[in-house]
Amino acid sequence: MAGERETNPAGSTKTLLGDVLCVLGALKVATADQIQRIGAPHLSHRYTGKPTASKRKQARTASHTAVLSGMRRHGLVENGGSTQAGDRLRNLAPKGLQAASCSAR
């Protein structure tokens, strides 16, 4: 149907997939929070009604985390350790690097 977004089973959209590929293609390693802040900064002001900073961050990054999870299942992204704060670092696998270079054209 025209105008409808195509989604994958994890609930993420192809637009978010492109954002994640672009950000990881440029930064090489990033957390879901960093990817969201760069790829969709307008979401940073949402979820102010959540009771704690942790809940706000979780709600704000949920869709990007879902994209990363789907990309990991398809071999595009790897877990690259974690930060001191406990956030998971993600990096592109060789297959993801190839996809990122194709999407940049």
Protein backbone atom coordinates (compact mmCIF):
# COMPACT_ATOMS: atom_id res chain seq x y z
CA MET A 1 0.00 0.00 0.00
CA ALA A 2 1.21 3.49 -0.76
CA GLY A 3 2.45 5.47 2.20
CA GLU A 4 2.63 2.53 4.58
CA ARG A 5 5.89 1.65 6.24
CA GLU A 6 7.33 -1.79 5.77
CA THR A 7 8.27 -3.36 9.08
CA ASN A 8 10.25 -6.39 10.11
CA PRO A 9 9.14 -8.86 12.79
CA ALA A 10 11.00 -6.94 15.53
CA GLY A 11 8.85 -3.91 14.76
CA SER A 12 11.55 -1.68 13.29
CA THR A 13 11.29 0.16 9.99
CA LYS A 14 13.57 0.27 6.97
CA THR A 15 14.13 3.97 7.68
CA LEU A 16 15.66 3.13 11.05
CA LEU A 17 17.75 0.41 9.43
CA GLY A 18 19.21 3.03 7.10
CA ASP A 19 19.90 5.36 10.04
CA VAL A 20 21.72 2.62 11.93
CA LEU A 21 23.81 1.67 8.88
CA CYS A 22 24.78 5.31 8.27
CA VAL A 23 25.73 6.00 11.89
CA LEU A 24 27.70 2.77 12.35
CA GLY A 25 29.29 3.20 8.93
CA ALA A 26 30.65 6.57 10.06
CA LEU A 27 31.43 5.92 13.73
CA LYS A 28 32.38 2.22 13.46
CA VAL A 29 31.35 1.55 17.11
CA ALA A 30 28.36 3.03 18.96
CA THR A 31 25.68 2.34 21.57
CA ALA A 32 21.95 2.32 20.75
CA ASP A 33 21.68 5.62 22.64
CA GLN A 34 24.39 7.24 20.51
CA ILE A 35 22.82 5.90 17.32
CA GLN A 36 19.42 7.30 18.33
CA ARG A 37 20.85 10.72 19.27
CA ILE A 38 22.64 11.03 15.90
CA GLY A 39 20.11 9.32 13.62
CA ALA A 40 16.89 10.60 15.19
CA PRO A 41 17.70 13.51 17.52
CA HIS A 42 14.07 14.65 17.54
CA LEU A 43 13.25 11.63 19.73
CA SER A 44 15.50 12.94 22.51
CA HIS A 45 12.72 15.24 23.73
CA ARG A 46 10.06 12.54 23.92
CA TYR A 47 9.14 10.42 26.88
CA THR A 48 9.63 13.20 29.43
CA GLY A 49 6.72 11.74 31.41
CA LYS A 50 8.70 8.62 32.33
CA PRO A 51 9.61 8.54 36.03
CA THR A 52 13.37 7.96 35.75
CA ALA A 53 16.16 8.80 33.33
CA SER A 54 16.71 5.09 32.79
CA LYS A 55 13.07 4.53 31.75
CA ARG A 56 13.18 7.56 29.42
CA LYS A 57 16.36 6.26 27.77
CA GLN A 58 14.91 2.77 27.41
CA ALA A 59 11.74 4.08 25.77
CA ARG A 60 13.68 6.46 23.50
CA THR A 61 16.09 3.79 22.24
CA ALA A 62 13.67 0.83 22.01
CA SER A 63 13.16 1.01 18.24
CA HIS A 64 16.88 1.38 17.51
CA THR A 65 17.63 -1.52 19.85
CA ALA A 66 15.09 -3.61 17.91
CA VAL A 67 16.81 -2.71 14.63
CA LEU A 68 20.20 -3.67 16.06
CA SER A 69 18.78 -6.98 17.28
CA GLY A 70 17.38 -7.78 13.83
CA MET A 71 20.62 -6.77 12.14
CA ARG A 72 22.55 -9.00 14.54
CA ARG A 73 20.36 -11.97 13.60
CA HIS A 74 21.14 -11.34 9.92
CA GLY A 75 24.87 -11.05 10.51
CA LEU A 76 25.13 -7.31 9.83
CA VAL A 77 26.03 -6.17 13.36
CA GLU A 78 28.18 -7.62 16.13
CA ASN A 79 28.28 -6.86 19.83
CA GLY A 80 31.55 -5.08 20.52
CA GLY A 81 31.70 -5.14 24.30
CA SER A 82 30.19 -2.62 26.68
CA THR A 83 30.79 0.80 28.16
CA GLN A 84 31.60 1.45 31.82
CA ALA A 85 27.95 2.45 32.26
CA GLY A 86 26.87 -0.99 30.98
CA ASP A 87 25.58 0.05 27.54
CA ARG A 88 26.31 -2.46 24.78
CA LEU A 89 28.62 -1.32 22.02
CA ARG A 90 27.72 -2.38 18.49
CA ASN A 91 29.85 -2.51 15.37
CA LEU A 92 29.24 -3.56 11.79
CA ALA A 93 30.21 -7.08 10.74
CA PRO A 94 31.84 -7.48 7.30
CA LYS A 95 28.40 -8.08 5.77
CA GLY A 96 27.15 -4.88 7.47
CA LEU A 97 30.10 -2.87 6.18
CA GLN A 98 29.23 -3.97 2.68
CA ALA A 99 25.57 -2.96 3.19
CA ALA A 100 26.61 0.41 4.62
CA SER A 101 28.84 1.14 1.63
CA CYS A 102 26.01 0.28 -0.78
CA SER A 103 23.48 2.45 1.06
CA ALA A 104 25.82 5.46 0.93
CA ARG A 105 25.60 5.65 -2.86
